C-alpha atoms as a PDB file:
ATOM      1  CA  MET A   1       0.000   0.000   0.000  1.00  0.00           C
ATOM      2  CA  ILE A   2       1.474   3.343  -1.037  1.00  0.00           C
ATOM      3  CA  PRO A   3       1.384   6.104   1.650  1.00  0.00           C
ATOM      4  CA  GLN A   4      -1.149   8.864   0.926  1.00  0.00           C
ATOM      5  CA  SER A   5       1.514  11.586   1.074  1.00  0.00           C
ATOM      6  CA  ILE A   6       3.475   9.868  -1.698  1.00  0.00           C
ATOM      7  CA  LYS A   7       0.315   9.450  -3.763  1.00  0.00           C
ATOM      8  CA  ASN A   8      -0.413  13.174  -3.445  1.00  0.00           C
ATOM      9  CA  LEU A   9       3.062  14.071  -4.677  1.00  0.00           C
ATOM     10  CA  VAL A  10       2.753  11.645  -7.583  1.00  0.00           C
ATOM     11  CA  PHE A  11      -0.667  13.055  -8.385  1.00  0.00           C
ATOM     12  CA  LEU A  12       0.658  16.618  -8.582  1.00  0.00           C
ATOM     13  CA  ALA A  13       3.696  15.556 -10.608  1.00  0.00           C
ATOM     14  CA  LEU A  14       1.491  13.789 -13.143  1.00  0.00           C
ATOM     15  CA  LEU A  15      -0.848  16.748 -13.215  1.00  0.00           C
ATOM     16  CA  PHE A  16       1.927  19.213 -14.020  1.00  0.00           C
ATOM     17  CA  SER A  17       3.247  16.909 -16.734  1.00  0.00           C
ATOM     18  CA  ALA A  18      -0.128  16.310 -18.355  1.00  0.00           C
ATOM     19  CA  LEU A  19      -1.231  19.926 -18.296  1.00  0.00           C
ATOM     20  CA  SER A  20       2.027  21.401 -19.527  1.00  0.00           C
ATOM     21  CA  ILE A  21       1.674  19.455 -22.783  1.00  0.00           C
ATOM     22  CA  ASN A  22      -1.479  21.224 -23.928  1.00  0.00           C
ATOM     23  CA  ILE A  23      -2.612  24.463 -22.320  1.00  0.00           C
ATOM     24  CA  ASN A  24      -5.849  25.710 -23.835  1.00  0.00           C
ATOM     25  CA  ALA A  25      -5.649  29.480 -24.250  1.00  0.00           C
ATOM     26  CA  GLN A  26      -9.331  29.762 -23.428  1.00  0.00           C
ATOM     27  CA  GLN A  27      -8.793  28.351 -19.963  1.00  0.00           C
ATOM     28  CA  VAL A  28      -6.834  29.759 -17.061  1.00  0.00           C
ATOM     29  CA  ASN A  29      -3.394  28.226 -16.615  1.00  0.00           C
ATOM     30  CA  ILE A  30      -3.468  27.054 -12.996  1.00  0.00           C
ATOM     31  CA  ILE A  31      -0.150  25.184 -13.025  1.00  0.00           C
ATOM     32  CA  PRO A  32       1.664  28.013 -11.160  1.00  0.00           C
ATOM     33  CA  TYR A  33      -1.027  27.908  -8.478  1.00  0.00           C
ATOM     34  CA  LEU A  34      -0.742  24.132  -8.130  1.00  0.00           C
ATOM     35  CA  GLN A  35       3.018  24.500  -7.754  1.00  0.00           C
ATOM     36  CA  GLN A  36       2.479  27.068  -5.018  1.00  0.00           C
ATOM     37  CA  ILE A  37       0.179  24.641  -3.205  1.00  0.00           C
ATOM     38  CA  GLU A  38       2.814  21.929  -3.472  1.00  0.00           C
ATOM     39  CA  ASN A  39       5.321  24.363  -1.949  1.00  0.00           C
ATOM     40  CA  GLY A  40       3.105  24.975   1.062  1.00  0.00           C
ATOM     41  CA  LYS A  41       1.581  28.271  -0.051  1.00  0.00           C
ATOM     42  CA  ALA A  42      -2.053  27.190  -0.161  1.00  0.00           C
ATOM     43  CA  ASP A  43      -3.259  30.231   1.794  1.00  0.00           C
ATOM     44  CA  GLU A  44      -1.743  32.575  -0.772  1.00  0.00           C
ATOM     45  CA  VAL A  45      -3.499  30.693  -3.570  1.00  0.00           C
ATOM     46  CA  ARG A  46      -6.798  30.878  -1.679  1.00  0.00           C
ATOM     47  CA  ASN A  47      -6.502  34.659  -1.743  1.00  0.00           C
ATOM     48  CA  GLU A  48      -5.838  34.559  -5.490  1.00  0.00           C
ATOM     49  CA  LEU A  49      -8.781  32.209  -6.016  1.00  0.00           C
ATOM     50  CA  ILE A  50     -11.256  34.880  -4.925  1.00  0.00           C
ATOM     51  CA  GLY A  51     -10.355  37.065  -7.890  1.00  0.00           C
ATOM     52  CA  LEU A  52     -10.140  34.121 -10.267  1.00  0.00           C
ATOM     53  CA  LYS A  53     -13.676  33.006  -9.401  1.00  0.00           C
ATOM     54  CA  GLU A  54     -14.989  36.521  -9.974  1.00  0.00           C
ATOM     55  CA  ARG A  55     -13.402  36.740 -13.439  1.00  0.00           C
ATOM     56  CA  TYR A  56     -13.720  33.108 -14.549  1.00  0.00           C
ATOM     57  CA  SER A  57     -16.660  31.672 -12.615  1.00  0.00           C
ATOM     58  CA  GLU A  58     -17.442  29.013 -15.240  1.00  0.00           C
ATOM     59  CA  ASP A  59     -13.870  28.040 -16.100  1.00  0.00           C
ATOM     60  CA  PRO A  60     -13.290  24.330 -15.311  1.00  0.00           C
ATOM     61  CA  SER A  61      -9.654  25.011 -14.467  1.00  0.00           C
ATOM     62  CA  VAL A  62     -10.668  27.481 -11.770  1.00  0.00           C
ATOM     63  CA  MET A  63     -13.310  25.029 -10.512  1.00  0.00           C
ATOM     64  CA  PHE A  64     -10.700  22.299 -10.265  1.00  0.00           C
ATOM     65  CA  LEU A  65      -8.333  24.608  -8.379  1.00  0.00           C
ATOM     66  CA  GLU A  66     -11.143  25.415  -5.952  1.00  0.00           C
ATOM     67  CA  GLY A  67     -11.673  21.694  -5.406  1.00  0.00           C
ATOM     68  CA  VAL A  68      -7.987  21.185  -4.631  1.00  0.00           C
ATOM     69  CA  LEU A  69      -8.146  23.969  -2.047  1.00  0.00           C
ATOM     70  CA  THR A  70     -11.399  22.793  -0.467  1.00  0.00           C
ATOM     71  CA  GLU A  71     -10.634  21.000   2.789  1.00  0.00           C
ATOM     72  CA  ASN A  72     -14.160  19.663   3.299  1.00  0.00           C
ATOM     73  CA  GLY A  73     -14.103  16.414   1.320  1.00  0.00           C
ATOM     74  CA  GLN A  74     -17.855  16.298   0.742  1.00  0.00           C
ATOM     75  CA  LYS A  75     -17.867  19.821  -0.682  1.00  0.00           C
ATOM     76  CA  ALA A  76     -14.779  19.137  -2.799  1.00  0.00           C
ATOM     77  CA  VAL A  77     -16.485  16.113  -4.375  1.00  0.00           C
ATOM     78  CA  VAL A  78     -19.396  18.322  -5.465  1.00  0.00           C
ATOM     79  CA  ILE A  79     -16.953  20.675  -7.201  1.00  0.00           C
ATOM     80  CA  TYR A  80     -15.051  17.850  -8.900  1.00  0.00           C
ATOM     81  CA  GLN A  81     -18.281  16.194 -10.008  1.00  0.00           C
ATOM     82  CA  LYS A  82     -19.385  19.454 -11.640  1.00  0.00           C
ATOM     83  CA  VAL A  83     -16.151  19.508 -13.652  1.00  0.00           C
ATOM     84  CA  VAL A  84     -16.734  15.906 -14.761  1.00  0.00           C
ATOM     85  CA  ASP A  85     -20.417  16.383 -15.593  1.00  0.00           C
ATOM     86  CA  GLU A  86     -20.343  19.797 -17.249  1.00  0.00           C
ATOM     87  CA  TYR A  87     -16.841  19.836 -18.750  1.00  0.00           C
ATOM     88  CA  PRO A  88     -16.038  16.202 -19.607  1.00  0.00           C
ATOM     89  CA  ASP A  89     -13.667  17.266 -22.396  1.00  0.00           C
ATOM     90  CA  SER A  90     -11.619  19.637 -20.260  1.00  0.00           C
ATOM     91  CA  LYS A  91      -8.059  18.737 -19.386  1.00  0.00           C
ATOM     92  CA  TYR A  92      -9.077  18.607 -15.732  1.00  0.00           C
ATOM     93  CA  ALA A  93     -11.910  16.089 -16.039  1.00  0.00           C
ATOM     94  CA  ASP A  94      -9.842  12.936 -15.523  1.00  0.00           C
ATOM     95  CA  ALA A  95      -7.948  14.518 -12.624  1.00  0.00           C
ATOM     96  CA  ALA A  96     -11.260  15.517 -11.019  1.00  0.00           C
ATOM     97  CA  LEU A  97     -12.639  12.012 -11.501  1.00  0.00           C
ATOM     98  CA  TYR A  98      -9.514  10.523  -9.934  1.00  0.00           C
ATOM     99  CA  ARG A  99      -9.946  12.828  -6.954  1.00  0.00           C
ATOM    100  CA  ILE A 100     -13.538  11.622  -6.483  1.00  0.00           C
ATOM    101  CA  TYR A 101     -12.341   8.025  -6.714  1.00  0.00           C
ATOM    102  CA  SER A 102      -9.656   8.730  -4.091  1.00  0.00           C
ATOM    103  CA  TYR A 103     -12.213  10.277  -1.734  1.00  0.00           C
ATOM    104  CA  TYR A 104     -14.508   7.248  -1.911  1.00  0.00           C
ATOM    105  CA  TYR A 105     -11.586   4.871  -1.516  1.00  0.00           C
ATOM    106  CA  ALA A 106     -10.317   6.742   1.529  1.00  0.00           C
ATOM    107  CA  LEU A 107     -13.750   6.394   3.156  1.00  0.00           C
ATOM    108  CA  GLY A 108     -13.820   2.675   2.414  1.00  0.00           C
ATOM    109  CA  LEU A 109     -16.751   3.066  -0.001  1.00  0.00           C
ATOM    110  CA  TYR A 110     -15.198   0.608  -2.409  1.00  0.00           C
ATOM    111  CA  GLU A 111     -18.267  -0.025  -4.558  1.00  0.00           C
ATOM    112  CA  SER A 112     -18.596   3.661  -5.409  1.00  0.00           C
ATOM    113  CA  ALA A 113     -14.822   3.981  -5.810  1.00  0.00           C
ATOM    114  CA  ASN A 114     -14.840   1.098  -8.281  1.00  0.00           C
ATOM    115  CA  GLU A 115     -17.619   2.769 -10.304  1.00  0.00           C
ATOM    116  CA  LYS A 116     -15.535   5.930 -10.600  1.00  0.00           C
ATOM    117  CA  LEU A 117     -12.444   3.927 -11.545  1.00  0.00           C
ATOM    118  CA  ASN A 118     -14.375   2.130 -14.290  1.00  0.00           C
ATOM    119  CA  LYS A 119     -15.608   5.475 -15.613  1.00  0.00           C
ATOM    120  CA  LEU A 120     -12.050   6.803 -15.567  1.00  0.00           C
ATOM    121  CA  ILE A 121     -10.848   3.793 -17.571  1.00  0.00           C
ATOM    122  CA  THR A 122     -13.754   3.949 -20.028  1.00  0.00           C
ATOM    123  CA  ASP A 123     -13.922   7.704 -20.614  1.00  0.00           C
ATOM    124  CA  TYR A 124     -10.233   8.553 -20.259  1.00  0.00           C
ATOM    125  CA  PRO A 125      -8.269   5.427 -21.264  1.00  0.00           C
ATOM    126  CA  LYS A 126      -5.017   7.397 -21.656  1.00  0.00           C
ATOM    127  CA  SER A 127      -5.231   9.057 -18.254  1.00  0.00           C
ATOM    128  CA  PRO A 128      -2.039   8.692 -16.175  1.00  0.00           C
ATOM    129  CA  TYR A 129      -4.163   8.374 -13.032  1.00  0.00           C
ATOM    130  CA  ILE A 130      -5.476   4.948 -14.011  1.00  0.00           C
ATOM    131  CA  LYS A 131      -2.176   3.288 -13.162  1.00  0.00           C
ATOM    132  CA  ILE A 132      -2.075   4.915  -9.717  1.00  0.00           C
ATOM    133  CA  ALA A 133      -5.681   3.987  -8.971  1.00  0.00           C
ATOM    134  CA  LYS A 134      -5.134   0.373  -9.978  1.00  0.00           C
ATOM    135  CA  GLN A 135      -2.398   0.045  -7.362  1.00  0.00           C
ATOM    136  CA  ASN A 136      -5.140   0.082  -4.728  1.00  0.00           C
ATOM    137  CA  GLN A 137      -6.768  -3.263  -4.026  1.00  0.00           C
ATOM    138  CA  LEU A 138     -10.540  -2.855  -3.930  1.00  0.00           C
ATOM    139  CA  PRO A 139     -12.228  -5.398  -1.628  1.00  0.00           C
ATOM    140  CA  VAL A 140     -15.267  -6.889  -3.327  1.00  0.00           C
ATOM    141  CA  ASN A 141     -18.048  -8.461  -1.274  1.00  0.00           C
ATOM    142  CA  PRO A 142     -21.359  -8.771  -3.110  1.00  0.00           C
ATOM    143  CA  GLU A 143     -23.108  -9.614   0.143  1.00  0.00           C
ATOM    144  CA  ILE A 144     -22.461  -6.111   1.490  1.00  0.00           C
ATOM    145  CA  SER A 145     -24.775  -3.449   0.098  1.00  0.00           C
ATOM    146  CA  GLN A 146     -23.728   0.178  -0.385  1.00  0.00           C
ATOM    147  CA  GLU A 147     -25.900   1.183   2.581  1.00  0.00           C
ATOM    148  CA  ASP A 148     -24.293  -1.431   4.841  1.00  0.00           C
ATOM    149  CA  GLU A 149     -20.888  -0.439   3.529  1.00  0.00           C
ATOM    150  CA  THR A 150     -21.523   3.195   4.491  1.00  0.00           C
ATOM    151  CA  ASP A 151     -22.579   2.187   8.007  1.00  0.00           C
ATOM    152  CA  VAL A 152     -19.484   0.022   8.460  1.00  0.00           C
ATOM    153  CA  THR A 153     -17.251   2.817   7.187  1.00  0.00           C
ATOM    154  CA  GLN A 154     -18.844   5.368   9.486  1.00  0.00           C
ATOM    155  CA  GLN A 155     -18.334   3.077  12.463  1.00  0.00           C
ATOM    156  CA  LYS A 156     -14.719   2.524  11.435  1.00  0.00           C
ATOM    157  CA  ASN A 157     -14.117   6.268  11.145  1.00  0.00           C
ATOM    158  CA  ASP A 158     -15.680   6.918  14.533  1.00  0.00           C
ATOM    159  CA  ASP A 159     -13.590   4.214  16.214  1.00  0.00           C
ATOM    160  CA  VAL A 160     -10.274   4.890  14.533  1.00  0.00           C
ATOM    161  CA  VAL A 161     -10.311   8.645  14.002  1.00  0.00           C
ATOM    162  CA  GLY A 162     -12.442   9.414  17.041  1.00  0.00           C
ATOM    163  CA  ALA A 163     -14.641  11.766  15.024  1.00  0.00           C
ATOM    164  CA  ASP A 164     -17.317  13.468  17.101  1.00  0.00           C
ATOM    165  CA  TYR A 165     -20.051  14.288  14.598  1.00  0.00           C
ATOM    166  CA  LYS A 166     -22.412  16.941  15.951  1.00  0.00           C
ATOM    167  CA  PHE A 167     -24.324  18.204  12.917  1.00  0.00           C
ATOM    168  CA  THR A 168     -26.087  16.949   9.824  1.00  0.00           C
ATOM    169  CA  ILE A 169     -28.316  18.524   7.167  1.00  0.00           C
ATOM    170  CA  GLN A 170     -31.998  17.773   6.658  1.00  0.00           C
ATOM    171  CA  ALA A 171     -32.393  18.221   2.915  1.00  0.00           C
ATOM    172  CA  GLY A 172     -36.088  17.357   2.723  1.00  0.00           C
ATOM    173  CA  ALA A 173     -39.000  15.484   4.295  1.00  0.00           C
ATOM    174  CA  PHE A 174     -41.560  13.671   2.144  1.00  0.00           C
ATOM    175  CA  SER A 175     -44.754  11.753   2.752  1.00  0.00           C
ATOM    176  CA  LYS A 176     -44.030   9.707  -0.389  1.00  0.00           C
ATOM    177  CA  LYS A 177     -40.896   7.600  -0.210  1.00  0.00           C
ATOM    178  CA  GLU A 178     -40.471   7.844  -3.992  1.00  0.00           C
ATOM    179  CA  ASN A 179     -39.858  11.579  -3.676  1.00  0.00           C
ATOM    180  CA  ALA A 180     -37.252  11.042  -0.979  1.00  0.00           C
ATOM    181  CA  GLU A 181     -35.522   8.414  -3.102  1.00  0.00           C
ATOM    182  CA  SER A 182     -35.576  10.773  -6.098  1.00  0.00           C
ATOM    183  CA  LEU A 183     -33.727  13.447  -4.100  1.00  0.00           C
ATOM    184  CA  GLN A 184     -31.288  10.870  -2.783  1.00  0.00           C
ATOM    185  CA  LEU A 185     -30.569   9.765  -6.351  1.00  0.00           C
ATOM    186  CA  LYS A 186     -29.760  13.367  -7.334  1.00  0.00           C
ATOM    187  CA  PHE A 187     -27.252  13.518  -4.491  1.00  0.00           C
ATOM    188  CA  GLU A 188     -25.669  10.228  -5.513  1.00  0.00           C
ATOM    189  CA  LYS A 189     -25.255  11.410  -9.114  1.00  0.00           C
ATOM    190  CA  SER A 190     -23.402  14.455  -7.795  1.00  0.00           C
ATOM    191  CA  GLY A 191     -21.137  12.324  -5.631  1.00  0.00           C
ATOM    192  CA  ILE A 192     -22.865  13.169  -2.350  1.00  0.00           C
ATOM    193  CA  PHE A 193     -23.833  10.428   0.068  1.00  0.00           C
ATOM    194  CA  SER A 194     -27.138  10.755   1.876  1.00  0.00           C
ATOM    195  CA  GLU A 195     -29.491   8.583   3.904  1.00  0.00           C
ATOM    196  CA  ILE A 196     -33.243   8.304   4.363  1.00  0.00           C
ATOM    197  CA  LYS A 197     -34.768   7.876   7.805  1.00  0.00           C
ATOM    198  CA  ASP A 198     -38.448   7.534   8.644  1.00  0.00           C
ATOM    199  CA  LYS A 199     -39.977   9.888  11.202  1.00  0.00           C
ATOM    200  CA  LEU A 200     -43.479   9.524  12.652  1.00  0.00           C
ATOM    201  CA  VAL A 201     -45.219  12.886  13.142  1.00  0.00           C
ATOM    202  CA  ALA A 202     -48.834  13.102  14.318  1.00  0.00           C
ATOM    203  CA  GLY A 203     -49.620   9.692  12.925  1.00  0.00           C
ATOM    204  CA  THR A 204     -47.993  10.365   9.533  1.00  0.00           C
ATOM    205  CA  THR A 205     -44.729   8.795   8.467  1.00  0.00           C
ATOM    206  CA  PHE A 206     -42.312  11.174   6.762  1.00  0.00           C
ATOM    207  CA  HIS A 207     -39.272  10.006   4.841  1.00  0.00           C
ATOM    208  CA  VAL A 208     -36.486  12.417   5.779  1.00  0.00           C
ATOM    209  CA  VAL A 209     -33.363  12.826   3.641  1.00  0.00           C
ATOM    210  CA  TYR A 210     -30.204  13.633   5.598  1.00  0.00           C
ATOM    211  CA  VAL A 211     -26.924  14.693   4.013  1.00  0.00           C
ATOM    212  CA  GLY A 212     -23.476  14.531   5.589  1.00  0.00           C
ATOM    213  CA  LYS A 213     -22.107  14.447   9.118  1.00  0.00           C
ATOM    214  CA  PHE A 214     -20.010  17.321  10.387  1.00  0.00           C
ATOM    215  CA  VAL A 215     -17.853  17.995  13.411  1.00  0.00           C
ATOM    216  CA  THR A 216     -18.218  21.787  13.355  1.00  0.00           C
ATOM    217  CA  GLU A 217     -21.204  24.021  12.702  1.00  0.00           C
ATOM    218  CA  ASN A 218     -19.177  26.116  10.240  1.00  0.00           C
ATOM    219  CA  ASP A 219     -18.468  23.067   8.052  1.00  0.00           C
ATOM    220  CA  ALA A 220     -22.138  22.119   8.115  1.00  0.00           C
ATOM    221  CA  GLU A 221     -23.319  25.650   7.264  1.00  0.00           C
ATOM    222  CA  SER A 222     -20.844  25.890   4.393  1.00  0.00           C
ATOM    223  CA  PHE A 223     -22.044  22.602   2.903  1.00  0.00           C
ATOM    224  CA  LEU A 224     -25.685  23.553   3.523  1.00  0.00           C
ATOM    225  CA  LYS A 225     -25.242  26.613   1.302  1.00  0.00           C
ATOM    226  CA  THR A 226     -23.628  24.432  -1.365  1.00  0.00           C
ATOM    227  CA  ILE A 227     -26.487  21.942  -1.622  1.00  0.00           C
ATOM    228  CA  ASN A 228     -29.213  24.584  -1.248  1.00  0.00           C
ATOM    229  CA  ASP A 229     -27.759  26.523  -4.177  1.00  0.00           C
ATOM    230  CA  LYS A 230     -26.978  23.495  -6.319  1.00  0.00           C
ATOM    231  CA  PHE A 231     -30.285  21.659  -5.846  1.00  0.00           C
ATOM    232  CA  GLU A 232     -32.555  24.654  -5.136  1.00  0.00           C
ATOM    233  CA  LEU A 233     -33.462  23.331  -1.701  1.00  0.00           C
ATOM    234  CA  SER A 234     -34.368  24.842   1.635  1.00  0.00           C
ATOM    235  CA  GLY A 235     -32.388  22.437   3.753  1.00  0.00           C
ATOM    236  CA  ARG A 236     -31.645  23.128   7.372  1.00  0.00           C
ATOM    237  CA  LEU A 237     -28.985  22.334   9.924  1.00  0.00           C
ATOM    238  CA  ILE A 238     -29.760  19.595  12.443  1.00  0.00           C
ATOM    239  CA  GLN A 239     -27.850  18.902  15.625  1.00  0.00           C
ATOM    240  CA  ILE A 240     -27.163  15.202  16.111  1.00  0.00           C
ATOM    241  CA  SER A 241     -28.443  13.845  19.408  1.00  0.00           C
ATOM    242  CA  GLN A 242     -25.716  12.278  21.498  1.00  0.00           C
END
């Protein structure tokens, strides 16, 4: 198993090499910014990103740079998925897809990670990230569903990392389960994991869609704004009962 720090360095090295070959004049050249990040100057790049987003809000290169700088993994996945979905021919699409794959793999969500790896191989067969991704061994157990896999992973993270999750987001509550499942499917297509829980209120069962688990209220509020804007929702912050 290759250490994550080494993988990150290899990832950036491959990225510089791949992007330096063909820089599209219509897109912002973010290689200097990526080099600054590699040299430990991420905060300086964050300051530069504010102006870049104002001038080039729909540039996939700027979106990808924002994803690299986004520390909240769930929010970063949303950004990367937008690059993949809306700019599949950009030079950043395969790198964004690899980042999504890496996020799922790190969480132990191997089924979803494998789906992203297969898409990377199919859509970008010449991508240099395929070789790195294949070095990971993906456990395959058909008896474990994605839902069970998520529960097991969450338990593992709580035990090993000691994460104290205090907040989640209620994205919607529906009397019809089909509507809740439809919203959950939209989240899944954008690379966001969610869960549905039933809640009995005044004799009526509501199917409530929850998204994410967060340690701090700031992280939760930041992600709440992301999904409200992206999916045109009126989600709200929920404190997790201990």
